[in-house]
Amino acid sequence: MDEPKKDVIRETDAEAIRLAKTLLRSARFGALAVIEPQTGSPLASRVGVATDIDGAPLILVSMLSAHTGALLADPRCSLLLGEPGKGDPLAHPRLTLICQAARLERG
């Protein structure tokens, strides 16, 4: 008899919340996925990541990058965070955030 498959999505308990906060605060790079406005196709790119004082993710974007134009047209996006270690990169913790991008003004 086959064993039931283990659910890869962690139950949202205190330990899962702690791990998610740690992944978010320690991330330096992530994969940003946006919707390309001309075609409606998905577009993913690697971006630098930081967090604000409240732990919300921040990315620095250039007006020259395709993902910036896509975010200006449609702010829906997702951000994949997690640093692979030795061995299978899919065996290490990772976090996907479903986001609504907002532009922050300087100052």
PDB file of N, CA and C in Angstrom:
ATOM      1  N   MET A   1       0.838  -1.181   0.000  1.00  0.00           N
ATOM      2  CA  MET A   1       0.000   0.000   0.000  1.00  0.00           C
ATOM      3  C   MET A   1       0.882   1.243   0.000  1.00  0.00           C
ATOM      4  N   ASP A   2       0.539   2.201  -0.834  1.00  0.00           N
ATOM      5  CA  ASP A   2       1.315   3.433  -0.930  1.00  0.00           C
ATOM      6  C   ASP A   2       1.036   4.343   0.259  1.00  0.00           C
ATOM      7  N   GLU A   3       2.115   4.981   0.722  1.00  0.00           N
ATOM      8  CA  GLU A   3       1.945   5.977   1.783  1.00  0.00           C
ATOM      9  C   GLU A   3       1.299   7.219   1.203  1.00  0.00           C
ATOM     10  N   PRO A   4       0.454   7.898   1.977  1.00  0.00           N
ATOM     11  CA  PRO A   4      -0.114   9.158   1.471  1.00  0.00           C
ATOM     12  C   PRO A   4       0.996  10.188   1.300  1.00  0.00           C
ATOM     13  N   LYS A   5       0.864  10.997   0.255  1.00  0.00           N
ATOM     14  CA  LYS A   5       1.871  12.028   0.006  1.00  0.00           C
ATOM     15  C   LYS A   5       1.827  13.078   1.105  1.00  0.00           C
ATOM     16  N   LYS A   6       3.006  13.511   1.507  1.00  0.00           N
ATOM     17  CA  LYS A   6       3.120  14.560   2.510  1.00  0.00           C
ATOM     18  C   LYS A   6       2.800  15.901   1.854  1.00  0.00           C
ATOM     19  N   ASP A   7       1.986  16.702   2.505  1.00  0.00           N
ATOM     20  CA  ASP A   7       1.629  18.020   1.979  1.00  0.00           C
ATOM     21  C   ASP A   7       2.852  18.928   2.086  1.00  0.00           C
ATOM     22  N   VAL A   8       3.243  19.547   0.972  1.00  0.00           N
ATOM     23  CA  VAL A   8       4.424  20.409   0.968  1.00  0.00           C
ATOM     24  C   VAL A   8       4.114  21.813   1.473  1.00  0.00           C
ATOM     25  N   ILE A   9       2.842  22.150   1.590  1.00  0.00           N
ATOM     26  CA  ILE A   9       2.453  23.449   2.143  1.00  0.00           C
ATOM     27  C   ILE A   9       2.342  23.290   3.649  1.00  0.00           C
ATOM     28  N   ARG A  10       3.132  24.077   4.375  1.00  0.00           N
ATOM     29  CA  ARG A  10       3.109  23.978   5.833  1.00  0.00           C
ATOM     30  C   ARG A  10       1.818  24.522   6.398  1.00  0.00           C
ATOM     31  N   GLU A  11       1.353  23.874   7.438  1.00  0.00           N
ATOM     32  CA  GLU A  11       0.210  24.394   8.179  1.00  0.00           C
ATOM     33  C   GLU A  11       0.624  25.741   8.776  1.00  0.00           C
ATOM     34  N   THR A  12      -0.284  26.699   8.786  1.00  0.00           N
ATOM     35  CA  THR A  12       0.058  28.026   9.295  1.00  0.00           C
ATOM     36  C   THR A  12      -0.019  28.016  10.815  1.00  0.00           C
ATOM     37  N   ASP A  13       1.074  27.595  11.424  1.00  0.00           N
ATOM     38  CA  ASP A  13       1.192  27.605  12.875  1.00  0.00           C
ATOM     39  C   ASP A  13       2.298  28.591  13.251  1.00  0.00           C
ATOM     40  N   ALA A  14       2.589  28.701  14.522  1.00  0.00           N
ATOM     41  CA  ALA A  14       3.590  29.669  14.987  1.00  0.00           C
ATOM     42  C   ALA A  14       4.957  29.418  14.352  1.00  0.00           C
ATOM     43  N   GLU A  15       5.328  28.155  14.182  1.00  0.00           N
ATOM     44  CA  GLU A  15       6.627  27.831  13.583  1.00  0.00           C
ATOM     45  C   GLU A  15       6.668  28.236  12.109  1.00  0.00           C
ATOM     46  N   ALA A  16       5.582  28.015  11.377  1.00  0.00           N
ATOM     47  CA  ALA A  16       5.528  28.410   9.964  1.00  0.00           C
ATOM     48  C   ALA A  16       5.605  29.926   9.827  1.00  0.00           C
ATOM     49  N   ILE A  17       4.939  30.647  10.698  1.00  0.00           N
ATOM     50  CA  ILE A  17       4.983  32.115  10.675  1.00  0.00           C
ATOM     51  C   ILE A  17       6.397  32.607  10.970  1.00  0.00           C
ATOM     52  N   ARG A  18       7.053  31.997  11.962  1.00  0.00           N
ATOM     53  CA  ARG A  18       8.432  32.383  12.299  1.00  0.00           C
ATOM     54  C   ARG A  18       9.355  32.135  11.112  1.00  0.00           C
ATOM     55  N   LEU A  19       9.213  30.977  10.466  1.00  0.00           N
ATOM     56  CA  LEU A  19      10.052  30.648   9.317  1.00  0.00           C
ATOM     57  C   LEU A  19       9.798  31.616   8.163  1.00  0.00           C
ATOM     58  N   ALA A  20       8.537  31.951   7.905  1.00  0.00           N
ATOM     59  CA  ALA A  20       8.209  32.896   6.827  1.00  0.00           C
ATOM     60  C   ALA A  20       8.830  34.260   7.098  1.00  0.00           C
ATOM     61  N   LYS A  21       8.739  34.736   8.332  1.00  0.00           N
ATOM     62  CA  LYS A  21       9.333  36.035   8.681  1.00  0.00           C
ATOM     63  C   LYS A  21      10.848  35.997   8.529  1.00  0.00           C
ATOM     64  N   THR A  22      11.468  34.895   8.931  1.00  0.00           N
ATOM     65  CA  THR A  22      12.919  34.752   8.796  1.00  0.00           C
ATOM     66  C   THR A  22      13.327  34.736   7.327  1.00  0.00           C
ATOM     67  N   LEU A  23      12.601  33.983   6.502  1.00  0.00           N
ATOM     68  CA  LEU A  23      12.910  33.943   5.067  1.00  0.00           C
ATOM     69  C   LEU A  23      12.783  35.330   4.451  1.00  0.00           C
ATOM     70  N   LEU A  24      11.737  36.047   4.814  1.00  0.00           N
ATOM     71  CA  LEU A  24      11.510  37.381   4.260  1.00  0.00           C
ATOM     72  C   LEU A  24      12.590  38.358   4.708  1.00  0.00           C
ATOM     73  N   ARG A  25      12.907  38.371   6.001  1.00  0.00           N
ATOM     74  CA  ARG A  25      13.901  39.319   6.526  1.00  0.00           C
ATOM     75  C   ARG A  25      15.312  39.030   6.039  1.00  0.00           C
ATOM     76  N   SER A  26      15.625  37.769   5.774  1.00  0.00           N
ATOM     77  CA  SER A  26      17.000  37.422   5.389  1.00  0.00           C
ATOM     78  C   SER A  26      17.211  37.394   3.876  1.00  0.00           C
ATOM     79  N   ALA A  27      16.150  37.485   3.107  1.00  0.00           N
ATOM     80  CA  ALA A  27      16.274  37.412   1.643  1.00  0.00           C
ATOM     81  C   ALA A  27      17.024  38.621   1.103  1.00  0.00           C
ATOM     82  N   ARG A  28      17.911  38.380   0.173  1.00  0.00           N
ATOM     83  CA  ARG A  28      18.628  39.451  -0.519  1.00  0.00           C
ATOM     84  C   ARG A  28      18.258  39.489  -1.994  1.00  0.00           C
ATOM     85  N   PHE A  29      17.784  38.369  -2.508  1.00  0.00           N
ATOM     86  CA  PHE A  29      17.363  38.264  -3.902  1.00  0.00           C
ATOM     87  C   PHE A  29      16.093  37.435  -3.957  1.00  0.00           C
ATOM     88  N   GLY A  30      15.326  37.649  -4.995  1.00  0.00           N
ATOM     89  CA  GLY A  30      14.106  36.874  -5.186  1.00  0.00           C
ATOM     90  C   GLY A  30      13.745  36.825  -6.657  1.00  0.00           C
ATOM     91  N   ALA A  31      12.754  36.033  -6.968  1.00  0.00           N
ATOM     92  CA  ALA A  31      12.216  35.954  -8.326  1.00  0.00           C
ATOM     93  C   ALA A  31      10.883  36.694  -8.332  1.00  0.00           C
ATOM     94  N   LEU A  32      10.818  37.758  -9.116  1.00  0.00           N
ATOM     95  CA  LEU A  32       9.613  38.566  -9.242  1.00  0.00           C
ATOM     96  C   LEU A  32       8.871  38.129 -10.496  1.00  0.00           C
ATOM     97  N   ALA A  33       7.603  37.793 -10.355  1.00  0.00           N
ATOM     98  CA  ALA A  33       6.782  37.407 -11.505  1.00  0.00           C
ATOM     99  C   ALA A  33       5.702  38.461 -11.711  1.00  0.00           C
ATOM    100  N   VAL A  34       5.592  38.929 -12.943  1.00  0.00           N
ATOM    101  CA  VAL A  34       4.630  39.971 -13.310  1.00  0.00           C
ATOM    102  C   VAL A  34       3.885  39.519 -14.563  1.00  0.00           C
ATOM    103  N   ILE A  35       2.915  40.316 -14.975  1.00  0.00           N
ATOM    104  CA  ILE A  35       2.167  40.045 -16.200  1.00  0.00           C
ATOM    105  C   ILE A  35       2.618  41.048 -17.253  1.00  0.00           C
ATOM    106  N   GLU A  36       3.156  40.548 -18.360  1.00  0.00           N
ATOM    107  CA  GLU A  36       3.646  41.416 -19.431  1.00  0.00           C
ATOM    108  C   GLU A  36       2.439  42.087 -20.093  1.00  0.00           C
ATOM    109  N   PRO A  37       2.398  43.447 -20.108  1.00  0.00           N
ATOM    110  CA  PRO A  37       1.174  44.133 -20.524  1.00  0.00           C
ATOM    111  C   PRO A  37       0.777  43.954 -21.989  1.00  0.00           C
ATOM    112  N   GLN A  38       1.719  43.834 -22.895  1.00  0.00           N
ATOM    113  CA  GLN A  38       1.360  43.723 -24.308  1.00  0.00           C
ATOM    114  C   GLN A  38       0.787  42.353 -24.667  1.00  0.00           C
ATOM    115  N   THR A  39       1.276  41.308 -24.018  1.00  0.00           N
ATOM    116  CA  THR A  39       0.873  39.951 -24.396  1.00  0.00           C
ATOM    117  C   THR A  39       0.044  39.233 -23.334  1.00  0.00           C
ATOM    118  N   GLY A  40       0.104  39.723 -22.095  1.00  0.00           N
ATOM    119  CA  GLY A  40      -0.566  39.027 -20.997  1.00  0.00           C
ATOM    120  C   GLY A  40       0.191  37.802 -20.522  1.00  0.00           C
ATOM    121  N   SER A  41       1.402  37.623 -21.032  1.00  0.00           N
ATOM    122  CA  SER A  41       2.228  36.474 -20.658  1.00  0.00           C
ATOM    123  C   SER A  41       2.924  36.730 -19.332  1.00  0.00           C
ATOM    124  N   PRO A  42       3.233  35.663 -18.591  1.00  0.00           N
ATOM    125  CA  PRO A  42       3.998  35.836 -17.363  1.00  0.00           C
ATOM    126  C   PRO A  42       5.449  36.190 -17.683  1.00  0.00           C
ATOM    127  N   LEU A  43       6.049  36.983 -16.826  1.00  0.00           N
ATOM    128  CA  LEU A  43       7.444  37.399 -16.972  1.00  0.00           C
ATOM    129  C   LEU A  43       8.081  37.313 -15.590  1.00  0.00           C
ATOM    130  N   ALA A  44       9.165  36.589 -15.471  1.00  0.00           N
ATOM    131  CA  ALA A  44       9.858  36.460 -14.190  1.00  0.00           C
ATOM    132  C   ALA A  44      11.267  37.007 -14.328  1.00  0.00           C
ATOM    133  N   SER A  45      11.733  37.677 -13.289  1.00  0.00           N
ATOM    134  CA  SER A  45      13.099  38.192 -13.289  1.00  0.00           C
ATOM    135  C   SER A  45      13.643  38.174 -11.869  1.00  0.00           C
ATOM    136  N   ARG A  46      14.945  38.143 -11.779  1.00  0.00           N
ATOM    137  CA  ARG A  46      15.615  38.152 -10.476  1.00  0.00           C
ATOM    138  C   ARG A  46      15.757  39.596 -10.030  1.00  0.00           C
ATOM    139  N   VAL A  47      15.409  39.855  -8.766  1.00  0.00           N
ATOM    140  CA  VAL A  47      15.479  41.215  -8.234  1.00  0.00           C
ATOM    141  C   VAL A  47      16.143  41.201  -6.859  1.00  0.00           C
ATOM    142  N   GLY A  48      16.735  42.333  -6.505  1.00  0.00           N
ATOM    143  CA  GLY A  48      17.245  42.521  -5.161  1.00  0.00           C
ATOM    144  C   GLY A  48      16.077  42.809  -4.224  1.00  0.00           C
ATOM    145  N   VAL A  49      16.148  42.267  -3.015  1.00  0.00           N
ATOM    146  CA  VAL A  49      15.047  42.388  -2.056  1.00  0.00           C
ATOM    147  C   VAL A  49      15.575  42.918  -0.730  1.00  0.00           C
ATOM    148  N   ALA A  50      14.777  43.742  -0.086  1.00  0.00           N
ATOM    149  CA  ALA A  50      15.019  44.200   1.282  1.00  0.00           C
ATOM    150  C   ALA A  50      13.655  44.269   1.956  1.00  0.00           C
ATOM    151  N   THR A  51      13.625  44.634   3.215  1.00  0.00           N
ATOM    152  CA  THR A  51      12.349  44.836   3.904  1.00  0.00           C
ATOM    153  C   THR A  51      12.355  46.196   4.578  1.00  0.00           C
ATOM    154  N   ASP A  52      11.152  46.749   4.750  1.00  0.00           N
ATOM    155  CA  ASP A  52      11.051  47.997   5.492  1.00  0.00           C
ATOM    156  C   ASP A  52      11.014  47.687   6.987  1.00  0.00           C
ATOM    157  N   ILE A  53      10.845  48.703   7.799  1.00  0.00           N
ATOM    158  CA  ILE A  53      10.887  48.540   9.246  1.00  0.00           C
ATOM    159  C   ILE A  53       9.796  47.601   9.756  1.00  0.00           C
ATOM    160  N   ASP A  54       8.693  47.503   9.016  1.00  0.00           N
ATOM    161  CA  ASP A  54       7.589  46.627   9.414  1.00  0.00           C
ATOM    162  C   ASP A  54       7.700  45.222   8.830  1.00  0.00           C
ATOM    163  N   GLY A  55       8.732  44.967   8.032  1.00  0.00           N
ATOM    164  CA  GLY A  55       8.920  43.650   7.441  1.00  0.00           C
ATOM    165  C   GLY A  55       8.304  43.481   6.071  1.00  0.00           C
ATOM    166  N   ALA A  56       7.735  44.539   5.505  1.00  0.00           N
ATOM    167  CA  ALA A  56       7.164  44.446   4.156  1.00  0.00           C
ATOM    168  C   ALA A  56       8.294  44.393   3.130  1.00  0.00           C
ATOM    169  N   PRO A  57       8.144  43.589   2.084  1.00  0.00           N
ATOM    170  CA  PRO A  57       9.214  43.486   1.089  1.00  0.00           C
ATOM    171  C   PRO A  57       9.336  44.751   0.246  1.00  0.00           C
ATOM    172  N   LEU A  58      10.580  45.071  -0.095  1.00  0.00           N
ATOM    173  CA  LEU A  58      10.900  46.201  -0.967  1.00  0.00           C
ATOM    174  C   LEU A  58      11.812  45.703  -2.076  1.00  0.00           C
ATOM    175  N   ILE A  59      11.614  46.229  -3.285  1.00  0.00           N
ATOM    176  CA  ILE A  59      12.547  45.963  -4.378  1.00  0.00           C
ATOM    177  C   ILE A  59      12.899  47.301  -5.016  1.00  0.00           C
ATOM    178  N   LEU A  60      14.121  47.416  -5.473  1.00  0.00           N
ATOM    179  CA  LEU A  60      14.571  48.599  -6.196  1.00  0.00           C
ATOM    180  C   LEU A  60      14.513  48.256  -7.676  1.00  0.00           C
ATOM    181  N   VAL A  61      13.762  49.051  -8.435  1.00  0.00           N
ATOM    182  CA  VAL A  61      13.596  48.758  -9.859  1.00  0.00           C
ATOM    183  C   VAL A  61      14.079  49.928 -10.699  1.00  0.00           C
ATOM    184  N   SER A  62      14.422  49.628 -11.928  1.00  0.00           N
ATOM    185  CA  SER A  62      14.855  50.630 -12.891  1.00  0.00           C
ATOM    186  C   SER A  62      13.734  50.861 -13.889  1.00  0.00           C
ATOM    187  N   MET A  63      13.579  52.081 -14.355  1.00  0.00           N
ATOM    188  CA  MET A  63      12.586  52.369 -15.384  1.00  0.00           C
ATOM    189  C   MET A  63      12.949  51.686 -16.704  1.00  0.00           C
ATOM    190  N   LEU A  64      14.169  51.180 -16.820  1.00  0.00           N
ATOM    191  CA  LEU A  64      14.602  50.481 -18.029  1.00  0.00           C
ATOM    192  C   LEU A  64      14.188  49.010 -18.041  1.00  0.00           C
ATOM    193  N   SER A  65      13.835  48.462 -16.884  1.00  0.00           N
ATOM    194  CA  SER A  65      13.545  47.027 -16.817  1.00  0.00           C
ATOM    195  C   SER A  65      12.119  46.718 -17.261  1.00  0.00           C
ATOM    196  N   ALA A  66      11.962  45.562 -17.877  1.00  0.00           N
ATOM    197  CA  ALA A  66      10.644  45.142 -18.362  1.00  0.00           C
ATOM    198  C   ALA A  66       9.661  44.958 -17.215  1.00  0.00           C
ATOM    199  N   HIS A  67      10.155  44.471 -16.065  1.00  0.00           N
ATOM    200  CA  HIS A  67       9.213  44.239 -14.971  1.00  0.00           C
ATOM    201  C   HIS A  67       8.669  45.546 -14.386  1.00  0.00           C
ATOM    202  N   THR A  68       9.424  46.633 -14.478  1.00  0.00           N
ATOM    203  CA  THR A  68       8.913  47.920 -13.987  1.00  0.00           C
ATOM    204  C   THR A  68       7.733  48.384 -14.829  1.00  0.00           C
ATOM    205  N   GLY A  69       7.866  48.323 -16.145  1.00  0.00           N
ATOM    206  CA  GLY A  69       6.752  48.688 -17.017  1.00  0.00           C
ATOM    207  C   GLY A  69       5.531  47.819 -16.771  1.00  0.00           C
ATOM    208  N   ALA A  70       5.777  46.539 -16.543  1.00  0.00           N
ATOM    209  CA  ALA A  70       4.671  45.623 -16.269  1.00  0.00           C
ATOM    210  C   ALA A  70       3.977  45.981 -14.956  1.00  0.00           C
ATOM    211  N   LEU A  71       4.758  46.318 -13.921  1.00  0.00           N
ATOM    212  CA  LEU A  71       4.167  46.689 -12.628  1.00  0.00           C
ATOM    213  C   LEU A  71       3.399  48.001 -12.712  1.00  0.00           C
ATOM    214  N   LEU A  72       3.880  48.932 -13.529  1.00  0.00           N
ATOM    215  CA  LEU A  72       3.156  50.193 -13.695  1.00  0.00           C
ATOM    216  C   LEU A  72       1.817  49.964 -14.399  1.00  0.00           C
ATOM    217  N   ALA A  73       1.778  49.000 -15.318  1.00  0.00           N
ATOM    218  CA  ALA A  73       0.542  48.687 -16.038  1.00  0.00           C
ATOM    219  C   ALA A  73      -0.412  47.842 -15.195  1.00  0.00           C
ATOM    220  N   ASP A  74       0.140  46.950 -14.385  1.00  0.00           N
ATOM    221  CA  ASP A  74      -0.667  46.040 -13.563  1.00  0.00           C
ATOM    222  C   ASP A  74       0.158  45.676 -12.334  1.00  0.00           C
ATOM    223  N   PRO A  75      -0.184  46.204 -11.161  1.00  0.00           N
ATOM    224  CA  PRO A  75       0.656  46.005  -9.982  1.00  0.00           C
ATOM    225  C   PRO A  75       0.595  44.608  -9.363  1.00  0.00           C
ATOM    226  N   ARG A  76      -0.231  43.718  -9.909  1.00  0.00           N
ATOM    227  CA  ARG A  76      -0.278  42.354  -9.358  1.00  0.00           C
ATOM    228  C   ARG A  76       1.020  41.626  -9.688  1.00  0.00           C
ATOM    229  N   CYS A  77       1.569  40.954  -8.692  1.00  0.00           N
ATOM    230  CA  CYS A  77       2.824  40.235  -8.893  1.00  0.00           C
ATOM    231  C   CYS A  77       2.974  39.178  -7.811  1.00  0.00           C
ATOM    232  N   SER A  78       3.988  38.360  -7.968  1.00  0.00           N
ATOM    233  CA  SER A  78       4.362  37.441  -6.900  1.00  0.00           C
ATOM    234  C   SER A  78       5.875  37.487  -6.753  1.00  0.00           C
ATOM    235  N   LEU A  79       6.317  37.174  -5.555  1.00  0.00           N
ATOM    236  CA  LEU A  79       7.734  37.234  -5.222  1.00  0.00           C
ATOM    237  C   LEU A  79       8.106  35.925  -4.548  1.00  0.00           C
ATOM    238  N   LEU A  80       9.048  35.204  -5.137  1.00  0.00           N
ATOM    239  CA  LEU A  80       9.530  33.939  -4.586  1.00  0.00           C
ATOM    240  C   LEU A  80      10.849  34.197  -3.877  1.00  0.00           C
ATOM    241  N   LEU A  81      10.922  33.803  -2.607  1.00  0.00           N
ATOM    242  CA  LEU A  81      12.113  34.017  -1.787  1.00  0.00           C
ATOM    243  C   LEU A  81      12.594  32.684  -1.229  1.00  0.00           C
ATOM    244  N   GLY A  82      13.884  32.569  -1.017  1.00  0.00           N
ATOM    245  CA  GLY A  82      14.468  31.381  -0.409  1.00  0.00           C
ATOM    246  C   GLY A  82      15.853  31.150  -0.969  1.00  0.00           C
ATOM    247  N   GLU A  83      16.770  30.810  -0.108  1.00  0.00           N
ATOM    248  CA  GLU A  83      18.148  30.575  -0.531  1.00  0.00           C
ATOM    249  C   GLU A  83      18.422  29.078  -0.541  1.00  0.00           C
ATOM    250  N   PRO A  84      18.737  28.525  -1.711  1.00  0.00           N
ATOM    251  CA  PRO A  84      19.054  27.098  -1.746  1.00  0.00           C
ATOM    252  C   PRO A  84      20.401  26.831  -1.097  1.00  0.00           C
ATOM    253  N   GLY A  85      20.516  25.707  -0.458  1.00  0.00           N
ATOM    254  CA  GLY A  85      21.776  25.270   0.127  1.00  0.00           C
ATOM    255  C   GLY A  85      22.312  24.100  -0.674  1.00  0.00           C
ATOM    256  N   LYS A  86      23.071  23.251  -0.019  1.00  0.00           N
ATOM    257  CA  LYS A  86      23.630  22.076  -0.692  1.00  0.00           C
ATOM    258  C   LYS A  86      22.519  21.083  -1.005  1.00  0.00           C
ATOM    259  N   GLY A  87      22.725  20.349  -2.067  1.00  0.00           N
ATOM    260  CA  GLY A  87      21.765  19.313  -2.429  1.00  0.00           C
ATOM    261  C   GLY A  87      20.612  19.861  -3.246  1.00  0.00           C
ATOM    262  N   ASP A  88      19.499  19.208  -3.143  1.00  0.00           N
ATOM    263  CA  ASP A  88      18.305  19.542  -3.917  1.00  0.00           C
ATOM    264  C   ASP A  88      17.785  20.922  -3.513  1.00  0.00           C
ATOM    265  N   PRO A  89      17.776  21.909  -4.430  1.00  0.00           N
ATOM    266  CA  PRO A  89      17.305  23.244  -4.070  1.00  0.00           C
ATOM    267  C   PRO A  89      15.826  23.269  -3.706  1.00  0.00           C
ATOM    268  N   LEU A  90      15.070  22.274  -4.159  1.00  0.00           N
ATOM    269  CA  LEU A  90      13.644  22.240  -3.830  1.00  0.00           C
ATOM    270  C   LEU A  90      13.372  21.662  -2.448  1.00  0.00           C
ATOM    271  N   ALA A  91      14.421  21.163  -1.783  1.00  0.00           N
ATOM    272  CA  ALA A  91      14.263  20.624  -0.437  1.00  0.00           C
ATOM    273  C   ALA A  91      14.438  21.701   0.631  1.00  0.00           C
ATOM    274  N   HIS A  92      14.814  22.908   0.226  1.00  0.00           N
ATOM    275  CA  HIS A  92      15.058  23.987   1.178  1.00  0.00           C
ATOM    276  C   HIS A  92      13.829  24.885   1.302  1.00  0.00           C
ATOM    277  N   PRO A  93      13.666  25.548   2.446  1.00  0.00           N
ATOM    278  CA  PRO A  93      12.493  26.408   2.641  1.00  0.00           C
ATOM    279  C   PRO A  93      12.442  27.538   1.622  1.00  0.00           C
ATOM    280  N   ARG A  94      11.234  27.861   1.205  1.00  0.00           N
ATOM    281  CA  ARG A  94      11.010  28.992   0.306  1.00  0.00           C
ATOM    282  C   ARG A  94       9.629  29.548   0.602  1.00  0.00           C
ATOM    283  N   LEU A  95       9.425  30.761   0.158  1.00  0.00           N
ATOM    284  CA  LEU A  95       8.192  31.482   0.456  1.00  0.00           C
ATOM    285  C   LEU A  95       7.751  32.217  -0.797  1.00  0.00           C
ATOM    286  N   THR A  96       6.504  32.048  -1.192  1.00  0.00           N
ATOM    287  CA  THR A  96       5.939  32.810  -2.299  1.00  0.00           C
ATOM    288  C   THR A  96       4.937  33.800  -1.733  1.00  0.00           C
ATOM    289  N   LEU A  97       5.134  35.069  -2.063  1.00  0.00           N
ATOM    290  CA  LEU A  97       4.223  36.132  -1.637  1.00  0.00           C
ATOM    291  C   LEU A  97       3.397  36.575  -2.835  1.00  0.00           C
ATOM    292  N   ILE A  98       2.105  36.669  -2.660  1.00  0.00           N
ATOM    293  CA  ILE A  98       1.236  37.240  -3.686  1.00  0.00           C
ATOM    294  C   ILE A  98       1.074  38.704  -3.309  1.00  0.00           C
ATOM    295  N   CYS A  99       1.486  39.599  -4.207  1.00  0.00           N
ATOM    296  CA  CYS A  99       1.653  41.011  -3.857  1.00  0.00           C
ATOM    297  C   CYS A  99       0.850  41.944  -4.759  1.00  0.00           C
ATOM    298  N   GLN A 100       0.700  43.140  -4.274  1.00  0.00           N
ATOM    299  CA  GLN A 100       0.174  44.272  -5.031  1.00  0.00           C
ATOM    300  C   GLN A 100       1.258  45.344  -4.898  1.00  0.00           C
ATOM    301  N   ALA A 101       1.996  45.594  -5.966  1.00  0.00           N
ATOM    302  CA  ALA A 101       3.120  46.531  -5.913  1.00  0.00           C
ATOM    303  C   ALA A 101       2.619  47.967  -5.780  1.00  0.00           C
ATOM    304  N   ALA A 102       3.374  48.757  -5.051  1.00  0.00           N
ATOM    305  CA  ALA A 102       3.078  50.183  -4.910  1.00  0.00           C
ATOM    306  C   ALA A 102       4.386  50.943  -5.000  1.00  0.00           C
ATOM    307  N   ARG A 103       4.366  52.044  -5.709  1.00  0.00           N
ATOM    308  CA  ARG A 103       5.567  52.866  -5.866  1.00  0.00           C
ATOM    309  C   ARG A 103       5.751  53.735  -4.623  1.00  0.00           C
ATOM    310  N   LEU A 104       6.979  53.762  -4.123  1.00  0.00           N
ATOM    311  CA  LEU A 104       7.327  54.630  -3.001  1.00  0.00           C
ATOM    312  C   LEU A 104       8.097  55.819  -3.538  1.00  0.00           C
ATOM    313  N   GLU A 105       7.736  56.980  -3.108  1.00  0.00           N
ATOM    314  CA  GLU A 105       8.436  58.192  -3.528  1.00  0.00           C
ATOM    315  C   GLU A 105       9.649  58.411  -2.637  1.00  0.00           C
ATOM    316  N   ARG A 106      10.655  59.040  -3.189  1.00  0.00           N
ATOM    317  CA  ARG A 106      11.849  59.372  -2.398  1.00  0.00           C
ATOM    318  C   ARG A 106      11.489  60.398  -1.341  1.00  0.00           C
ATOM    319  N   GLY A 107      12.235  60.299  -0.248  1.00  0.00           N
ATOM    320  CA  GLY A 107      12.041  61.333   0.760  1.00  0.00           C
ATOM    321  C   GLY A 107      11.680  60.811   2.018  1.00  0.00           C
TER     322      GLY A 107
END
